[in-house]
Amino acid sequence: MRNSGSEPPNAADRFANTCPEDVRLPRTQSATLTEAELRIMQVLWEKQSATVQQVLEALPNKKPLAYNSVLTIVRILEKKGYVRHVKDGRAHIYLPLLNQKAATQSEIGHLVSRFFQNSRELLVLNILEEQGIDAEELERLRQLLDENR
């Protein structure tokens, strides 16, 4: 409803024509790995070290990325502390600082914290309720529980 002129304008009226609809706020840096970051980390875990070009060549072709995209993502991973680089002449060779197991544990910890009030039990119960479990998986869980008593 537009202002007839006799009432003071509300915030929506005042800013209606001043903020273009296609303006987006900058994305905040995710504490966890994004899908693209995970794809690149998987290459680095497998290769143990690689240049941006080597990462690009090793990525599966299902969702191809451009060289500059890989470079940007690797730099973000470096800022997040997942990788570091060493110079080899003009090239930068990137190395993972966190192994895959540590990254997995970190991601699970973040998930448990955000969605399950820091309760691993709630996470497991949720998985069991949603997906069920077959006899072989149940036996493996029992073995793990017995080992950790």
N, C-alpha and C. Protein backbone atom coordinates (compact mmCIF):
# COMPACT_ATOMS: atom_id res chain seq x y z
N MET A 1 0.84 -1.16 0.00
CA MET A 1 0.00 0.00 0.00
C MET A 1 0.89 1.23 0.00
N ARG A 2 0.69 2.09 -0.95
CA ARG A 2 1.50 3.29 -1.07
C ARG A 2 0.99 4.39 -0.16
N ASN A 3 1.88 5.24 0.24
CA ASN A 3 1.59 6.35 1.13
C ASN A 3 0.81 7.42 0.37
N SER A 4 -0.28 7.90 0.95
CA SER A 4 -1.11 8.92 0.29
C SER A 4 -0.53 10.32 0.44
N GLY A 5 0.50 10.47 1.23
CA GLY A 5 1.13 11.78 1.40
C GLY A 5 0.82 12.40 2.74
N SER A 6 -0.29 12.01 3.38
CA SER A 6 -0.65 12.60 4.66
C SER A 6 -0.01 11.89 5.84
N GLU A 7 0.48 10.67 5.63
CA GLU A 7 1.12 9.90 6.71
C GLU A 7 2.63 9.87 6.49
N PRO A 8 3.41 9.77 7.58
CA PRO A 8 4.86 9.63 7.38
C PRO A 8 5.15 8.31 6.68
N PRO A 9 6.14 8.29 5.80
CA PRO A 9 6.44 7.05 5.06
C PRO A 9 7.02 5.98 5.99
N ASN A 10 6.64 4.73 5.75
CA ASN A 10 7.24 3.64 6.52
C ASN A 10 8.53 3.21 5.83
N ALA A 11 9.28 2.31 6.47
CA ALA A 11 10.59 1.91 5.94
C ALA A 11 10.47 1.30 4.55
N ALA A 12 9.46 0.47 4.33
CA ALA A 12 9.31 -0.16 3.01
C ALA A 12 9.10 0.89 1.92
N ASP A 13 8.29 1.91 2.23
CA ASP A 13 8.05 2.98 1.25
C ASP A 13 9.31 3.80 1.00
N ARG A 14 10.05 4.11 2.06
CA ARG A 14 11.24 4.96 1.92
C ARG A 14 12.30 4.30 1.06
N PHE A 15 12.44 2.97 1.17
CA PHE A 15 13.52 2.28 0.47
C PHE A 15 13.06 1.53 -0.77
N ALA A 16 11.81 1.67 -1.14
CA ALA A 16 11.26 0.91 -2.25
C ALA A 16 12.04 1.12 -3.54
N ASN A 17 12.47 2.31 -3.81
CA ASN A 17 13.15 2.58 -5.08
C ASN A 17 14.65 2.76 -4.94
N THR A 18 15.19 2.51 -3.75
CA THR A 18 16.62 2.77 -3.56
C THR A 18 17.46 1.50 -3.52
N CYS A 19 16.85 0.33 -3.42
CA CYS A 19 17.60 -0.92 -3.29
C CYS A 19 17.24 -1.85 -4.44
N PRO A 20 18.13 -1.97 -5.42
CA PRO A 20 17.82 -2.86 -6.55
C PRO A 20 17.60 -4.29 -6.07
N GLU A 21 16.66 -4.98 -6.71
CA GLU A 21 16.31 -6.34 -6.29
C GLU A 21 17.43 -7.34 -6.50
N ASP A 22 18.34 -7.08 -7.44
CA ASP A 22 19.39 -8.06 -7.74
C ASP A 22 20.63 -7.88 -6.87
N VAL A 23 20.60 -6.98 -5.89
CA VAL A 23 21.72 -6.79 -4.99
C VAL A 23 21.72 -7.93 -3.98
N ARG A 24 22.88 -8.55 -3.82
CA ARG A 24 23.01 -9.66 -2.87
C ARG A 24 24.06 -9.31 -1.83
N LEU A 25 23.80 -9.75 -0.63
CA LEU A 25 24.80 -9.56 0.43
C LEU A 25 25.96 -10.50 0.17
N PRO A 26 27.17 -10.12 0.58
CA PRO A 26 28.30 -11.02 0.38
C PRO A 26 28.10 -12.29 1.20
N ARG A 27 28.54 -13.43 0.62
CA ARG A 27 28.41 -14.69 1.32
C ARG A 27 29.40 -14.74 2.47
N THR A 28 28.93 -15.28 3.58
CA THR A 28 29.84 -15.46 4.70
C THR A 28 30.61 -16.74 4.49
N GLN A 29 31.80 -16.81 5.04
CA GLN A 29 32.64 -17.98 4.87
C GLN A 29 32.11 -19.11 5.75
N SER A 30 31.89 -20.25 5.13
CA SER A 30 31.36 -21.41 5.84
C SER A 30 32.44 -22.03 6.71
N ALA A 31 32.05 -22.39 7.93
CA ALA A 31 32.99 -23.05 8.84
C ALA A 31 33.27 -24.47 8.37
N THR A 32 32.33 -25.04 7.64
CA THR A 32 32.49 -26.40 7.12
C THR A 32 32.86 -26.33 5.65
N LEU A 33 33.14 -27.47 5.07
CA LEU A 33 33.50 -27.52 3.66
C LEU A 33 32.26 -27.45 2.78
N THR A 34 32.31 -26.58 1.79
CA THR A 34 31.25 -26.55 0.79
C THR A 34 31.43 -27.75 -0.13
N GLU A 35 30.47 -28.01 -0.99
CA GLU A 35 30.56 -29.14 -1.91
C GLU A 35 31.78 -29.00 -2.82
N ALA A 36 32.01 -27.82 -3.36
CA ALA A 36 33.16 -27.60 -4.25
C ALA A 36 34.48 -27.75 -3.48
N GLU A 37 34.53 -27.23 -2.25
CA GLU A 37 35.74 -27.36 -1.44
C GLU A 37 36.04 -28.83 -1.14
N LEU A 38 34.99 -29.59 -0.86
CA LEU A 38 35.17 -31.01 -0.58
C LEU A 38 35.71 -31.75 -1.80
N ARG A 39 35.21 -31.42 -2.98
CA ARG A 39 35.71 -32.05 -4.20
C ARG A 39 37.22 -31.81 -4.37
N ILE A 40 37.64 -30.60 -4.09
CA ILE A 40 39.06 -30.26 -4.22
C ILE A 40 39.88 -30.93 -3.13
N MET A 41 39.35 -30.96 -1.91
CA MET A 41 40.06 -31.64 -0.83
C MET A 41 40.22 -33.12 -1.12
N GLN A 42 39.23 -33.74 -1.72
CA GLN A 42 39.34 -35.16 -2.04
C GLN A 42 40.49 -35.41 -3.01
N VAL A 43 40.68 -34.51 -3.96
CA VAL A 43 41.82 -34.63 -4.89
C VAL A 43 43.13 -34.47 -4.12
N LEU A 44 43.20 -33.47 -3.25
CA LEU A 44 44.44 -33.23 -2.49
C LEU A 44 44.74 -34.38 -1.53
N TRP A 45 43.72 -34.97 -0.92
CA TRP A 45 43.95 -36.12 -0.04
C TRP A 45 44.49 -37.30 -0.85
N GLU A 46 43.94 -37.48 -2.04
CA GLU A 46 44.39 -38.59 -2.87
C GLU A 46 45.80 -38.37 -3.38
N LYS A 47 46.10 -37.17 -3.87
CA LYS A 47 47.40 -36.88 -4.46
C LYS A 47 48.46 -36.50 -3.42
N GLN A 48 48.03 -36.01 -2.27
CA GLN A 48 48.87 -35.53 -1.17
C GLN A 48 49.48 -34.16 -1.43
N SER A 49 49.66 -33.77 -2.67
CA SER A 49 50.06 -32.41 -3.03
C SER A 49 49.79 -32.23 -4.51
N ALA A 50 49.46 -30.99 -4.89
CA ALA A 50 49.15 -30.74 -6.30
C ALA A 50 49.12 -29.24 -6.58
N THR A 51 49.40 -28.90 -7.83
CA THR A 51 49.21 -27.53 -8.30
C THR A 51 47.72 -27.37 -8.64
N VAL A 52 47.31 -26.15 -8.88
CA VAL A 52 45.92 -25.90 -9.28
C VAL A 52 45.60 -26.66 -10.57
N GLN A 53 46.52 -26.65 -11.52
CA GLN A 53 46.30 -27.36 -12.78
C GLN A 53 46.14 -28.86 -12.56
N GLN A 54 46.95 -29.43 -11.67
CA GLN A 54 46.84 -30.86 -11.37
C GLN A 54 45.51 -31.18 -10.69
N VAL A 55 45.06 -30.29 -9.80
CA VAL A 55 43.76 -30.48 -9.16
C VAL A 55 42.67 -30.45 -10.22
N LEU A 56 42.72 -29.45 -11.09
CA LEU A 56 41.73 -29.30 -12.15
C LEU A 56 41.65 -30.55 -13.01
N GLU A 57 42.80 -31.09 -13.40
CA GLU A 57 42.85 -32.28 -14.26
C GLU A 57 42.33 -33.53 -13.55
N ALA A 58 42.46 -33.57 -12.23
CA ALA A 58 42.05 -34.75 -11.47
C ALA A 58 40.57 -34.72 -11.07
N LEU A 59 39.93 -33.56 -11.19
CA LEU A 59 38.52 -33.46 -10.81
C LEU A 59 37.66 -34.26 -11.77
N PRO A 60 36.63 -34.94 -11.25
CA PRO A 60 35.70 -35.65 -12.13
C PRO A 60 35.00 -34.65 -13.06
N ASN A 61 34.65 -35.10 -14.24
CA ASN A 61 34.04 -34.22 -15.23
C ASN A 61 32.54 -33.98 -15.04
N LYS A 62 31.95 -34.58 -13.98
CA LYS A 62 30.50 -34.45 -13.82
C LYS A 62 30.05 -33.00 -13.64
N LYS A 63 30.84 -32.21 -12.93
CA LYS A 63 30.56 -30.78 -12.77
C LYS A 63 31.87 -30.04 -13.00
N PRO A 64 32.24 -29.78 -14.24
CA PRO A 64 33.54 -29.18 -14.51
C PRO A 64 33.67 -27.77 -13.92
N LEU A 65 34.87 -27.47 -13.49
CA LEU A 65 35.19 -26.14 -12.96
C LEU A 65 36.25 -25.50 -13.83
N ALA A 66 36.25 -24.19 -13.88
CA ALA A 66 37.27 -23.45 -14.60
C ALA A 66 38.52 -23.33 -13.72
N TYR A 67 39.66 -23.11 -14.36
CA TYR A 67 40.93 -22.95 -13.64
C TYR A 67 40.80 -21.89 -12.54
N ASN A 68 40.24 -20.72 -12.89
CA ASN A 68 40.12 -19.63 -11.92
C ASN A 68 39.22 -20.00 -10.75
N SER A 69 38.20 -20.81 -11.00
CA SER A 69 37.32 -21.26 -9.91
C SER A 69 38.10 -22.15 -8.94
N VAL A 70 38.88 -23.08 -9.50
CA VAL A 70 39.69 -23.97 -8.65
C VAL A 70 40.68 -23.14 -7.84
N LEU A 71 41.33 -22.18 -8.49
CA LEU A 71 42.28 -21.31 -7.80
C LEU A 71 41.62 -20.56 -6.65
N THR A 72 40.45 -20.01 -6.91
CA THR A 72 39.72 -19.27 -5.87
C THR A 72 39.38 -20.19 -4.70
N ILE A 73 38.89 -21.38 -5.01
CA ILE A 73 38.49 -22.32 -3.95
C ILE A 73 39.70 -22.78 -3.14
N VAL A 74 40.82 -23.02 -3.81
CA VAL A 74 42.04 -23.43 -3.10
C VAL A 74 42.50 -22.31 -2.17
N ARG A 75 42.40 -21.09 -2.62
CA ARG A 75 42.78 -19.95 -1.76
C ARG A 75 41.85 -19.83 -0.55
N ILE A 76 40.57 -20.08 -0.75
CA ILE A 76 39.62 -20.08 0.37
C ILE A 76 39.98 -21.19 1.35
N LEU A 77 40.30 -22.37 0.82
CA LEU A 77 40.71 -23.49 1.70
C LEU A 77 41.96 -23.13 2.49
N GLU A 78 42.85 -22.38 1.87
CA GLU A 78 44.06 -21.95 2.57
C GLU A 78 43.71 -20.98 3.69
N LYS A 79 42.80 -20.05 3.42
CA LYS A 79 42.37 -19.10 4.47
C LYS A 79 41.67 -19.82 5.62
N LYS A 80 40.93 -20.87 5.30
CA LYS A 80 40.23 -21.64 6.33
C LYS A 80 41.17 -22.55 7.12
N GLY A 81 42.39 -22.73 6.62
CA GLY A 81 43.35 -23.57 7.32
C GLY A 81 43.32 -25.04 6.91
N TYR A 82 42.66 -25.36 5.82
CA TYR A 82 42.61 -26.74 5.36
C TYR A 82 43.83 -27.11 4.52
N VAL A 83 44.43 -26.15 3.83
CA VAL A 83 45.60 -26.41 2.99
C VAL A 83 46.64 -25.31 3.19
N ARG A 84 47.85 -25.60 2.74
CA ARG A 84 48.90 -24.58 2.68
C ARG A 84 49.59 -24.76 1.34
N HIS A 85 50.40 -23.77 0.98
CA HIS A 85 51.13 -23.93 -0.27
C HIS A 85 52.62 -23.74 -0.04
N VAL A 86 53.39 -24.36 -0.93
CA VAL A 86 54.83 -24.13 -0.99
C VAL A 86 55.13 -23.70 -2.42
N LYS A 87 56.11 -22.84 -2.55
CA LYS A 87 56.49 -22.38 -3.89
C LYS A 87 57.49 -23.34 -4.51
N ASP A 88 57.28 -23.62 -5.76
CA ASP A 88 58.21 -24.43 -6.54
C ASP A 88 58.46 -23.65 -7.83
N GLY A 89 59.45 -22.78 -7.80
CA GLY A 89 59.65 -21.86 -8.92
C GLY A 89 58.51 -20.87 -8.94
N ARG A 90 57.81 -20.82 -10.06
CA ARG A 90 56.65 -19.92 -10.16
C ARG A 90 55.37 -20.59 -9.70
N ALA A 91 55.37 -21.89 -9.59
CA ALA A 91 54.15 -22.63 -9.24
C ALA A 91 53.95 -22.70 -7.73
N HIS A 92 52.70 -22.79 -7.34
CA HIS A 92 52.33 -23.05 -5.95
C HIS A 92 51.84 -24.49 -5.89
N ILE A 93 52.40 -25.22 -4.95
CA ILE A 93 51.97 -26.60 -4.73
C ILE A 93 51.18 -26.61 -3.43
N TYR A 94 49.96 -27.11 -3.50
CA TYR A 94 49.06 -27.10 -2.35
C TYR A 94 49.07 -28.46 -1.67
N LEU A 95 49.12 -28.41 -0.34
CA LEU A 95 49.17 -29.62 0.49
C LEU A 95 48.05 -29.55 1.53
N PRO A 96 47.35 -30.66 1.76
CA PRO A 96 46.32 -30.65 2.80
C PRO A 96 46.96 -30.59 4.19
N LEU A 97 46.41 -29.76 5.05
CA LEU A 97 46.89 -29.68 6.44
C LEU A 97 46.07 -30.59 7.35
N LEU A 98 44.91 -30.96 6.91
CA LEU A 98 44.00 -31.78 7.69
C LEU A 98 43.77 -33.06 6.90
N ASN A 99 43.95 -34.22 7.54
CA ASN A 99 43.69 -35.45 6.82
C ASN A 99 42.17 -35.69 6.73
N GLN A 100 41.80 -36.64 5.90
CA GLN A 100 40.38 -36.86 5.63
C GLN A 100 39.62 -37.28 6.89
N LYS A 101 40.23 -38.10 7.72
CA LYS A 101 39.56 -38.54 8.94
C LYS A 101 39.30 -37.35 9.88
N ALA A 102 40.28 -36.48 10.05
CA ALA A 102 40.12 -35.31 10.92
C ALA A 102 39.04 -34.37 10.37
N ALA A 103 39.02 -34.20 9.04
CA ALA A 103 38.01 -33.34 8.42
C ALA A 103 36.61 -33.94 8.61
N THR A 104 36.52 -35.25 8.47
CA THR A 104 35.23 -35.93 8.66
C THR A 104 34.74 -35.75 10.10
N GLN A 105 35.64 -35.94 11.05
CA GLN A 105 35.27 -35.79 12.46
C GLN A 105 34.84 -34.35 12.75
N SER A 106 35.52 -33.39 12.16
CA SER A 106 35.16 -31.99 12.34
C SER A 106 33.77 -31.70 11.78
N GLU A 107 33.50 -32.22 10.59
CA GLU A 107 32.18 -32.01 9.97
C GLU A 107 31.07 -32.65 10.80
N ILE A 108 31.31 -33.86 11.29
CA ILE A 108 30.31 -34.54 12.12
C ILE A 108 30.09 -33.77 13.42
N GLY A 109 31.18 -33.29 14.02
CA GLY A 109 31.06 -32.49 15.24
C GLY A 109 30.23 -31.23 15.00
N HIS A 110 30.44 -30.60 13.86
CA HIS A 110 29.67 -29.40 13.52
C HIS A 110 28.19 -29.76 13.34
N LEU A 111 27.91 -30.86 12.65
CA LEU A 111 26.54 -31.33 12.45
C LEU A 111 25.86 -31.62 13.78
N VAL A 112 26.55 -32.35 14.65
CA VAL A 112 25.99 -32.70 15.96
C VAL A 112 25.72 -31.44 16.78
N SER A 113 26.62 -30.49 16.70
CA SER A 113 26.46 -29.24 17.44
C SER A 113 25.26 -28.43 16.93
N ARG A 114 25.15 -28.31 15.62
CA ARG A 114 24.10 -27.47 15.03
C ARG A 114 22.71 -28.08 15.13
N PHE A 115 22.58 -29.37 14.87
CA PHE A 115 21.26 -29.96 14.74
C PHE A 115 20.84 -30.89 15.86
N PHE A 116 21.78 -31.33 16.70
CA PHE A 116 21.47 -32.35 17.68
C PHE A 116 21.91 -31.97 19.09
N GLN A 117 22.01 -30.69 19.38
CA GLN A 117 22.33 -30.18 20.72
C GLN A 117 23.53 -30.89 21.33
N ASN A 118 24.55 -31.13 20.53
CA ASN A 118 25.79 -31.80 20.95
C ASN A 118 25.56 -33.23 21.45
N SER A 119 24.49 -33.85 21.00
CA SER A 119 24.18 -35.22 21.42
C SER A 119 24.42 -36.18 20.26
N ARG A 120 25.46 -36.99 20.38
CA ARG A 120 25.72 -38.02 19.36
C ARG A 120 24.60 -39.05 19.36
N GLU A 121 24.03 -39.28 20.54
CA GLU A 121 22.93 -40.23 20.64
C GLU A 121 21.75 -39.78 19.76
N LEU A 122 21.41 -38.49 19.82
CA LEU A 122 20.31 -37.98 18.99
C LEU A 122 20.62 -38.14 17.49
N LEU A 123 21.88 -37.94 17.11
CA LEU A 123 22.27 -38.12 15.71
C LEU A 123 22.05 -39.57 15.29
N VAL A 124 22.54 -40.51 16.09
CA VAL A 124 22.41 -41.93 15.75
C VAL A 124 20.94 -42.33 15.72
N LEU A 125 20.17 -41.91 16.70
CA LEU A 125 18.75 -42.25 16.72
C LEU A 125 18.04 -41.68 15.49
N ASN A 126 18.40 -40.48 15.09
CA ASN A 126 17.81 -39.88 13.90
C ASN A 126 18.12 -40.68 12.65
N ILE A 127 19.36 -41.12 12.52
CA ILE A 127 19.77 -41.93 11.37
C ILE A 127 19.00 -43.24 11.36
N LEU A 128 18.90 -43.88 12.52
CA LEU A 128 18.21 -45.17 12.61
C LEU A 128 16.72 -45.03 12.30
N GLU A 129 16.11 -43.96 12.79
CA GLU A 129 14.68 -43.73 12.54
C GLU A 129 14.42 -43.43 11.06
N GLU A 130 15.28 -42.67 10.45
CA GLU A 130 15.07 -42.24 9.06
C GLU A 130 15.42 -43.32 8.05
N GLN A 131 16.50 -44.04 8.28
CA GLN A 131 17.00 -44.95 7.26
C GLN A 131 16.94 -46.42 7.65
N GLY A 132 16.69 -46.70 8.90
CA GLY A 132 16.68 -48.08 9.33
C GLY A 132 18.09 -48.67 9.32
N ILE A 133 18.18 -49.95 9.64
CA ILE A 133 19.49 -50.59 9.68
C ILE A 133 19.29 -52.07 9.38
N ASP A 134 20.18 -52.63 8.58
CA ASP A 134 20.07 -54.06 8.28
C ASP A 134 20.84 -54.86 9.33
N ALA A 135 20.68 -56.17 9.29
CA ALA A 135 21.27 -57.06 10.31
C ALA A 135 22.79 -56.96 10.36
N GLU A 136 23.42 -56.84 9.20
CA GLU A 136 24.89 -56.75 9.15
C GLU A 136 25.38 -55.45 9.81
N GLU A 137 24.72 -54.35 9.52
CA GLU A 137 25.10 -53.07 10.13
C GLU A 137 24.85 -53.10 11.63
N LEU A 138 23.76 -53.72 12.04
CA LEU A 138 23.44 -53.82 13.46
C LEU A 138 24.51 -54.63 14.20
N GLU A 139 24.97 -55.71 13.60
CA GLU A 139 26.01 -56.52 14.22
C GLU A 139 27.31 -55.71 14.35
N ARG A 140 27.66 -54.96 13.32
CA ARG A 140 28.87 -54.13 13.36
C ARG A 140 28.75 -53.06 14.45
N LEU A 141 27.58 -52.47 14.60
CA LEU A 141 27.37 -51.48 15.67
C LEU A 141 27.53 -52.14 17.05
N ARG A 142 27.00 -53.33 17.19
CA ARG A 142 27.13 -54.04 18.47
C ARG A 142 28.60 -54.30 18.80
N GLN A 143 29.38 -54.69 17.78
CA GLN A 143 30.81 -54.93 17.98
C GLN A 143 31.51 -53.64 18.41
N LEU A 144 31.18 -52.55 17.77
CA LEU A 144 31.80 -51.26 18.11
C LEU A 144 31.43 -50.85 19.55
N LEU A 145 30.18 -51.06 19.91
CA LEU A 145 29.76 -50.72 21.26
C LEU A 145 30.48 -51.59 22.29
N ASP A 146 30.61 -52.87 22.00
CA ASP A 146 31.32 -53.77 22.92
C ASP A 146 32.79 -53.38 23.07
N GLU A 147 33.43 -52.96 21.96
CA GLU A 147 34.82 -52.56 21.99
C GLU A 147 35.05 -51.28 22.80
N ASN A 148 34.04 -50.43 22.83
CA ASN A 148 34.19 -49.13 23.50
C ASN A 148 33.65 -49.09 24.91
N ARG A 149 33.35 -50.24 25.48
CA ARG A 149 32.85 -50.26 26.87
C ARG A 149 33.95 -50.07 27.85
